[in-house]
PDB file of N, CA and C in Angstrom:
ATOM      1  N   UNK A   1       0.827  -1.168   0.000  1.00  0.00           N
ATOM      2  CA  UNK A   1       0.000   0.000   0.000  1.00  0.00           C
ATOM      3  C   UNK A   1       0.881   1.244   0.000  1.00  0.00           C
ATOM      4  N   UNK A   2       0.580   2.164  -0.847  1.00  0.00           N
ATOM      5  CA  UNK A   2       1.317   3.424  -0.858  1.00  0.00           C
ATOM      6  C   UNK A   2       0.435   4.491  -0.225  1.00  0.00           C
ATOM      7  N   UNK A   3       1.094   5.440   0.393  1.00  0.00           N
ATOM      8  CA  UNK A   3       0.363   6.507   1.088  1.00  0.00           C
ATOM      9  C   UNK A   3      -0.217   7.472   0.067  1.00  0.00           C
ATOM     10  N   UNK A   4      -1.354   7.985   0.385  1.00  0.00           N
ATOM     11  CA  UNK A   4      -1.981   8.954  -0.497  1.00  0.00           C
ATOM     12  C   UNK A   4      -1.157  10.229  -0.490  1.00  0.00           C
ATOM     13  N   UNK A   5      -1.058  10.904  -1.626  1.00  0.00           N
ATOM     14  CA  UNK A   5      -0.269  12.134  -1.647  1.00  0.00           C
ATOM     15  C   UNK A   5      -0.858  13.142  -0.667  1.00  0.00           C
ATOM     16  N   UNK A   6       0.036  13.841   0.029  1.00  0.00           N
ATOM     17  CA  UNK A   6      -0.399  14.825   1.028  1.00  0.00           C
ATOM     18  C   UNK A   6      -1.004  16.024   0.334  1.00  0.00           C
ATOM     19  N   UNK A   7      -2.082  16.473   0.880  1.00  0.00           N
ATOM     20  CA  UNK A   7      -2.709  17.664   0.300  1.00  0.00           C
ATOM     21  C   UNK A   7      -2.026  18.896   0.886  1.00  0.00           C
ATOM     22  N   UNK A   8      -1.770  19.879   0.072  1.00  0.00           N
ATOM     23  CA  UNK A   8      -1.096  21.074   0.601  1.00  0.00           C
ATOM     24  C   UNK A   8      -1.996  21.808   1.596  1.00  0.00           C
ATOM     25  N   UNK A   9      -1.373  22.349   2.609  1.00  0.00           N
ATOM     26  CA  UNK A   9      -2.091  23.096   3.640  1.00  0.00           C
ATOM     27  C   UNK A   9      -2.093  24.568   3.224  1.00  0.00           C
ATOM     28  N   UNK A  10      -3.249  25.142   3.183  1.00  0.00           N
ATOM     29  CA  UNK A  10      -3.372  26.548   2.818  1.00  0.00           C
ATOM     30  C   UNK A  10      -3.629  27.334   4.088  1.00  0.00           C
ATOM     31  N   UNK A  11      -2.745  28.301   4.329  1.00  0.00           N
ATOM     32  CA  UNK A  11      -2.901  29.152   5.511  1.00  0.00           C
ATOM     33  C   UNK A  11      -3.418  30.488   5.038  1.00  0.00           C
ATOM     34  N   UNK A  12      -4.538  30.863   5.591  1.00  0.00           N
ATOM     35  CA  UNK A  12      -5.107  32.150   5.224  1.00  0.00           C
ATOM     36  C   UNK A  12      -4.634  33.204   6.222  1.00  0.00           C
ATOM     37  N   UNK A  13      -4.217  34.331   5.714  1.00  0.00           N
ATOM     38  CA  UNK A  13      -3.818  35.420   6.602  1.00  0.00           C
ATOM     39  C   UNK A  13      -4.979  36.391   6.731  1.00  0.00           C
ATOM     40  N   UNK A  14      -5.128  36.857   7.930  1.00  0.00           N
ATOM     41  CA  UNK A  14      -6.202  37.798   8.204  1.00  0.00           C
ATOM     42  C   UNK A  14      -5.577  39.181   8.283  1.00  0.00           C
ATOM     43  N   UNK A  15      -6.055  40.063   7.470  1.00  0.00           N
ATOM     44  CA  UNK A  15      -5.541  41.423   7.509  1.00  0.00           C
ATOM     45  C   UNK A  15      -6.222  42.165   8.650  1.00  0.00           C
ATOM     46  N   UNK A  16      -5.377  42.805   9.453  1.00  0.00           N
ATOM     47  CA  UNK A  16      -5.921  43.583  10.563  1.00  0.00           C
ATOM     48  C   UNK A  16      -5.776  45.054  10.231  1.00  0.00           C
ATOM     49  N   UNK A  17      -6.558  45.838  10.887  1.00  0.00           N
ATOM     50  CA  UNK A  17      -6.507  47.283  10.680  1.00  0.00           C
ATOM     51  C   UNK A  17      -5.170  47.801  11.198  1.00  0.00           C
ATOM     52  N   UNK A  18      -4.609  48.792  10.554  1.00  0.00           N
ATOM     53  CA  UNK A  18      -3.333  49.334  11.038  1.00  0.00           C
ATOM     54  C   UNK A  18      -3.508  49.962  12.414  1.00  0.00           C
ATOM     55  N   UNK A  19      -2.440  49.892  13.206  1.00  0.00           N
ATOM     56  CA  UNK A  19      -2.495  50.458  14.548  1.00  0.00           C
ATOM     57  C   UNK A  19      -2.599  51.968  14.457  1.00  0.00           C
ATOM     58  N   UNK A  20      -3.437  52.497  15.257  1.00  0.00           N
ATOM     59  CA  UNK A  20      -3.601  53.945  15.309  1.00  0.00           C
ATOM     60  C   UNK A  20      -3.021  54.405  16.635  1.00  0.00           C
ATOM     61  N   UNK A  21      -2.027  55.274  16.550  1.00  0.00           N
ATOM     62  CA  UNK A  21      -1.412  55.742  17.789  1.00  0.00           C
ATOM     63  C   UNK A  21      -2.260  56.848  18.383  1.00  0.00           C
ATOM     64  N   UNK A  22      -2.249  56.870  19.688  1.00  0.00           N
ATOM     65  CA  UNK A  22      -2.983  57.913  20.385  1.00  0.00           C
ATOM     66  C   UNK A  22      -2.151  59.184  20.335  1.00  0.00           C
ATOM     67  N   UNK A  23      -2.764  60.245  19.953  1.00  0.00           N
ATOM     68  CA  UNK A  23      -2.077  61.520  19.899  1.00  0.00           C
ATOM     69  C   UNK A  23      -2.353  62.252  21.196  1.00  0.00           C
ATOM     70  N   UNK A  24      -1.278  62.568  21.899  1.00  0.00           N
ATOM     71  CA  UNK A  24      -1.448  63.287  23.150  1.00  0.00           C
ATOM     72  C   UNK A  24      -1.172  64.759  22.909  1.00  0.00           C
ATOM     73  N   UNK A  25      -1.946  65.561  23.535  1.00  0.00           N
ATOM     74  CA  UNK A  25      -1.804  66.998  23.367  1.00  0.00           C
ATOM     75  C   UNK A  25      -0.912  67.516  24.492  1.00  0.00           C
ATOM     76  N   UNK A  26       0.156  68.166  24.109  1.00  0.00           N
ATOM     77  CA  UNK A  26       1.048  68.742  25.116  1.00  0.00           C
ATOM     78  C   UNK A  26       0.520  70.110  25.516  1.00  0.00           C
ATOM     79  N   UNK A  27       0.444  70.287  26.792  1.00  0.00           N
ATOM     80  CA  UNK A  27      -0.050  71.554  27.302  1.00  0.00           C
ATOM     81  C   UNK A  27       1.155  72.370  27.750  1.00  0.00           C
ATOM     82  N   UNK A  28       1.280  73.551  27.217  1.00  0.00           N
ATOM     83  CA  UNK A  28       2.379  74.403  27.634  1.00  0.00           C
ATOM     84  C   UNK A  28       1.938  75.207  28.843  1.00  0.00           C
ATOM     85  N   UNK A  29       2.738  75.121  29.867  1.00  0.00           N
ATOM     86  CA  UNK A  29       2.395  75.778  31.123  1.00  0.00           C
ATOM     87  C   UNK A  29       3.230  77.037  31.339  1.00  0.00           C
ATOM     88  N   UNK A  30       4.039  77.382  30.380  1.00  0.00           N
ATOM     89  CA  UNK A  30       4.891  78.553  30.538  1.00  0.00           C
ATOM     90  C   UNK A  30       6.240  78.149  31.097  1.00  0.00           C
ATOM     91  N   UNK A  31       7.096  79.103  31.232  1.00  0.00           N
ATOM     92  CA  UNK A  31       8.443  78.835  31.724  1.00  0.00           C
ATOM     93  C   UNK A  31       8.406  78.532  33.224  1.00  0.00           C
ATOM     94  N   UNK A  32       9.264  77.596  33.629  1.00  0.00           N
ATOM     95  CA  UNK A  32       9.365  77.271  35.048  1.00  0.00           C
ATOM     96  C   UNK A  32      10.141  78.373  35.757  1.00  0.00           C
ATOM     97  N   UNK A  33       9.871  78.538  37.025  1.00  0.00           N
ATOM     98  CA  UNK A  33      10.590  79.519  37.823  1.00  0.00           C
ATOM     99  C   UNK A  33      11.996  78.995  38.081  1.00  0.00           C
ATOM    100  N   UNK A  34      12.953  79.892  38.032  1.00  0.00           N
ATOM    101  CA  UNK A  34      14.339  79.520  38.285  1.00  0.00           C
ATOM    102  C   UNK A  34      14.569  79.569  39.790  1.00  0.00           C
ATOM    103  N   UNK A  35      15.128  78.501  40.328  1.00  0.00           N
ATOM    104  CA  UNK A  35      15.350  78.420  41.771  1.00  0.00           C
ATOM    105  C   UNK A  35      16.532  79.309  42.170  1.00  0.00           C
ATOM    106  N   UNK A  36      16.593  79.700  43.436  1.00  0.00           N
ATOM    107  CA  UNK A  36      17.733  80.498  43.900  1.00  0.00           C
ATOM    108  C   UNK A  36      19.062  79.762  43.699  1.00  0.00           C
ATOM    109  N   UNK A  37      19.048  78.439  43.844  1.00  0.00           N
ATOM    110  CA  UNK A  37      20.257  77.635  43.633  1.00  0.00           C
ATOM    111  C   UNK A  37      20.743  77.762  42.189  1.00  0.00           C
ATOM    112  N   UNK A  38      19.817  77.640  41.241  1.00  0.00           N
ATOM    113  CA  UNK A  38      20.205  77.725  39.833  1.00  0.00           C
ATOM    114  C   UNK A  38      20.724  79.115  39.483  1.00  0.00           C
ATOM    115  N   UNK A  39      20.100  80.153  40.032  1.00  0.00           N
ATOM    116  CA  UNK A  39      20.577  81.516  39.810  1.00  0.00           C
ATOM    117  C   UNK A  39      21.989  81.679  40.357  1.00  0.00           C
ATOM    118  N   UNK A  40      22.219  81.163  41.563  1.00  0.00           N
ATOM    119  CA  UNK A  40      23.530  81.259  42.203  1.00  0.00           C
ATOM    120  C   UNK A  40      24.587  80.522  41.392  1.00  0.00           C
ATOM    121  N   UNK A  41      24.259  79.311  40.977  1.00  0.00           N
ATOM    122  CA  UNK A  41      25.221  78.509  40.215  1.00  0.00           C
ATOM    123  C   UNK A  41      25.562  79.188  38.889  1.00  0.00           C
ATOM    124  N   UNK A  42      24.573  79.730  38.224  1.00  0.00           N
ATOM    125  CA  UNK A  42      24.799  80.384  36.935  1.00  0.00           C
ATOM    126  C   UNK A  42      25.701  81.602  37.093  1.00  0.00           C
ATOM    127  N   UNK A  43      25.536  82.342  38.185  1.00  0.00           N
ATOM    128  CA  UNK A  43      26.332  83.538  38.410  1.00  0.00           C
ATOM    129  C   UNK A  43      27.732  83.212  38.922  1.00  0.00           C
ATOM    130  N   UNK A  44      27.843  82.232  39.815  1.00  0.00           N
ATOM    131  CA  UNK A  44      29.102  81.980  40.497  1.00  0.00           C
ATOM    132  C   UNK A  44      30.050  81.017  39.786  1.00  0.00           C
ATOM    133  N   UNK A  45      29.526  80.156  38.935  1.00  0.00           N
ATOM    134  CA  UNK A  45      30.385  79.172  38.269  1.00  0.00           C
ATOM    135  C   UNK A  45      31.457  79.836  37.402  1.00  0.00           C
ATOM    136  N   UNK A  46      31.129  80.826  36.575  1.00  0.00           N
ATOM    137  CA  UNK A  46      32.190  81.468  35.787  1.00  0.00           C
ATOM    138  C   UNK A  46      33.221  82.196  36.658  1.00  0.00           C
ATOM    139  N   UNK A  47      32.769  82.779  37.766  1.00  0.00           N
ATOM    140  CA  UNK A  47      33.688  83.470  38.682  1.00  0.00           C
ATOM    141  C   UNK A  47      34.649  82.471  39.312  1.00  0.00           C
ATOM    142  N   UNK A  48      34.112  81.344  39.740  1.00  0.00           N
ATOM    143  CA  UNK A  48      34.924  80.301  40.369  1.00  0.00           C
ATOM    144  C   UNK A  48      35.956  79.761  39.375  1.00  0.00           C
ATOM    145  N   UNK A  49      35.526  79.557  38.131  1.00  0.00           N
ATOM    146  CA  UNK A  49      36.443  79.050  37.101  1.00  0.00           C
ATOM    147  C   UNK A  49      37.538  80.069  36.791  1.00  0.00           C
ATOM    148  N   UNK A  50      37.201  81.353  36.824  1.00  0.00           N
ATOM    149  CA  UNK A  50      38.201  82.395  36.556  1.00  0.00           C
ATOM    150  C   UNK A  50      39.250  82.442  37.671  1.00  0.00           C
ATOM    151  N   UNK A  51      38.818  82.223  38.913  1.00  0.00           N
ATOM    152  CA  UNK A  51      39.743  82.213  40.051  1.00  0.00           C
ATOM    153  C   UNK A  51      40.600  80.957  40.081  1.00  0.00           C
ATOM    154  N   UNK A  52      40.115  79.875  39.488  1.00  0.00           N
ATOM    155  CA  UNK A  52      40.809  78.588  39.503  1.00  0.00           C
ATOM    156  C   UNK A  52      40.994  78.077  38.072  1.00  0.00           C
ATOM    157  N   UNK A  53      41.898  78.693  37.313  1.00  0.00           N
ATOM    158  CA  UNK A  53      42.081  78.227  35.932  1.00  0.00           C
ATOM    159  C   UNK A  53      42.671  76.815  35.908  1.00  0.00           C
ATOM    160  N   UNK A  54      42.291  76.066  34.923  1.00  0.00           N
ATOM    161  CA  UNK A  54      42.800  74.707  34.788  1.00  0.00           C
ATOM    162  C   UNK A  54      41.993  73.671  35.552  1.00  0.00           C
ATOM    163  N   UNK A  55      41.015  74.109  36.293  1.00  0.00           N
ATOM    164  CA  UNK A  55      40.186  73.168  37.044  1.00  0.00           C
ATOM    165  C   UNK A  55      39.098  72.627  36.106  1.00  0.00           C
ATOM    166  N   UNK A  56      38.722  71.370  36.306  1.00  0.00           N
ATOM    167  CA  UNK A  56      37.689  70.789  35.442  1.00  0.00           C
ATOM    168  C   UNK A  56      36.323  71.361  35.812  1.00  0.00           C
ATOM    169  N   UNK A  57      35.391  71.248  34.883  1.00  0.00           N
ATOM    170  CA  UNK A  57      34.043  71.766  35.120  1.00  0.00           C
ATOM    171  C   UNK A  57      33.410  71.057  36.316  1.00  0.00           C
ATOM    172  N   UNK A  58      33.627  69.769  36.397  1.00  0.00           N
ATOM    173  CA  UNK A  58      33.038  68.989  37.493  1.00  0.00           C
ATOM    174  C   UNK A  58      33.564  69.471  38.848  1.00  0.00           C
ATOM    175  N   UNK A  59      34.874  69.686  38.934  1.00  0.00           N
ATOM    176  CA  UNK A  59      35.463  70.152  40.188  1.00  0.00           C
ATOM    177  C   UNK A  59      34.975  71.558  40.531  1.00  0.00           C
ATOM    178  N   UNK A  60      34.840  72.406  39.518  1.00  0.00           N
ATOM    179  CA  UNK A  60      34.342  73.760  39.744  1.00  0.00           C
ATOM    180  C   UNK A  60      32.905  73.724  40.235  1.00  0.00           C
ATOM    181  N   UNK A  61      32.105  72.875  39.637  1.00  0.00           N
ATOM    182  CA  UNK A  61      30.700  72.749  40.024  1.00  0.00           C
ATOM    183  C   UNK A  61      30.604  72.298  41.482  1.00  0.00           C
ATOM    184  N   UNK A  62      31.433  71.340  41.869  1.00  0.00           N
ATOM    185  CA  UNK A  62      31.431  70.855  43.255  1.00  0.00           C
ATOM    186  C   UNK A  62      31.851  71.974  44.201  1.00  0.00           C
ATOM    187  N   UNK A  63      32.862  72.755  43.809  1.00  0.00           N
ATOM    188  CA  UNK A  63      33.329  73.859  44.641  1.00  0.00           C
ATOM    189  C   UNK A  63      32.255  74.910  44.856  1.00  0.00           C
ATOM    190  N   UNK A  64      31.565  75.281  43.799  1.00  0.00           N
ATOM    191  CA  UNK A  64      30.505  76.285  43.915  1.00  0.00           C
ATOM    192  C   UNK A  64      29.343  75.718  44.731  1.00  0.00           C
ATOM    193  N   UNK A  65      29.059  74.457  44.579  1.00  0.00           N
ATOM    194  CA  UNK A  65      27.974  73.839  45.354  1.00  0.00           C
ATOM    195  C   UNK A  65      28.305  73.868  46.852  1.00  0.00           C
ATOM    196  N   UNK A  66      29.572  73.685  47.192  1.00  0.00           N
ATOM    197  CA  UNK A  66      29.976  73.765  48.603  1.00  0.00           C
ATOM    198  C   UNK A  66      29.832  75.192  49.122  1.00  0.00           C
ATOM    199  N   UNK A  67      30.157  76.174  48.265  1.00  0.00           N
ATOM    200  CA  UNK A  67      29.999  77.571  48.661  1.00  0.00           C
ATOM    201  C   UNK A  67      28.523  77.910  48.873  1.00  0.00           C
ATOM    202  N   UNK A  68      27.648  77.279  48.108  1.00  0.00           N
ATOM    203  CA  UNK A  68      26.201  77.521  48.210  1.00  0.00           C
ATOM    204  C   UNK A  68      25.691  77.200  49.608  1.00  0.00           C
ATOM    205  N   UNK A  69      26.291  76.236  50.254  1.00  0.00           N
ATOM    206  CA  UNK A  69      25.822  75.827  51.580  1.00  0.00           C
ATOM    207  C   UNK A  69      25.866  76.977  52.577  1.00  0.00           C
ATOM    208  N   UNK A  70      26.835  77.885  52.420  1.00  0.00           N
ATOM    209  CA  UNK A  70      26.977  78.995  53.355  1.00  0.00           C
ATOM    210  C   UNK A  70      26.638  80.343  52.726  1.00  0.00           C
ATOM    211  N   UNK A  71      26.141  80.350  51.510  1.00  0.00           N
ATOM    212  CA  UNK A  71      25.845  81.596  50.806  1.00  0.00           C
ATOM    213  C   UNK A  71      24.630  82.295  51.410  1.00  0.00           C
ATOM    214  N   UNK A  72      24.654  83.622  51.453  1.00  0.00           N
ATOM    215  CA  UNK A  72      23.491  84.345  51.987  1.00  0.00           C
ATOM    216  C   UNK A  72      22.258  84.217  51.087  1.00  0.00           C
ATOM    217  N   UNK A  73      22.478  83.877  49.823  1.00  0.00           N
ATOM    218  CA  UNK A  73      21.345  83.683  48.901  1.00  0.00           C
ATOM    219  C   UNK A  73      20.579  82.410  49.196  1.00  0.00           C
ATOM    220  N   UNK A  74      21.217  81.468  49.893  1.00  0.00           N
ATOM    221  CA  UNK A  74      20.618  80.186  50.224  1.00  0.00           C
ATOM    222  C   UNK A  74      19.627  80.370  51.362  1.00  0.00           C
ATOM    223  N   UNK A  75      18.343  80.117  51.105  1.00  0.00           N
ATOM    224  CA  UNK A  75      17.363  80.302  52.175  1.00  0.00           C
ATOM    225  C   UNK A  75      17.521  79.315  53.339  1.00  0.00           C
ATOM    226  N   UNK A  76      18.242  78.233  53.129  1.00  0.00           N
ATOM    227  CA  UNK A  76      18.410  77.229  54.175  1.00  0.00           C
ATOM    228  C   UNK A  76      19.761  77.348  54.900  1.00  0.00           C
ATOM    229  N   UNK A  77      20.598  78.289  54.486  1.00  0.00           N
ATOM    230  CA  UNK A  77      21.925  78.385  55.098  1.00  0.00           C
ATOM    231  C   UNK A  77      21.840  79.091  56.452  1.00  0.00           C
ATOM    232  N   UNK A  78      22.836  78.822  57.271  1.00  0.00           N
ATOM    233  CA  UNK A  78      22.919  79.436  58.581  1.00  0.00           C
ATOM    234  C   UNK A  78      23.251  80.923  58.425  1.00  0.00           C
ATOM    235  N   UNK A  79      24.037  81.262  57.393  1.00  0.00           N
ATOM    236  CA  UNK A  79      24.453  82.640  57.174  1.00  0.00           C
ATOM    237  C   UNK A  79      23.268  83.524  56.788  1.00  0.00           C
ATOM    238  N   UNK A  80      22.248  82.942  56.188  1.00  0.00           N
ATOM    239  CA  UNK A  80      21.094  83.714  55.747  1.00  0.00           C
ATOM    240  C   UNK A  80      20.178  84.098  56.905  1.00  0.00           C
ATOM    241  N   UNK A  81      20.300  83.417  58.018  1.00  0.00           N
ATOM    242  CA  UNK A  81      19.401  83.648  59.163  1.00  0.00           C
ATOM    243  C   UNK A  81      19.950  84.617  60.144  1.00  0.00           C
TER     244      UNK A  81
END
């Protein structure tokens, strides 16, 4: 006995609707307020770098951040009270 020839299997593909992405609306709330720390850093970083030429930006940033702890502009510093 010989086996009957195999019938080909037909696979039907189902077309699905394309994905529709949700569009989110961005709400502009205006510019954020600049904190006293950011104002201090922006003003003092160039001064610190000028006094300490050759220092890396990271080291200068750390130095100014340490000065911020005792700065009168800092609302949480002991010097401000």
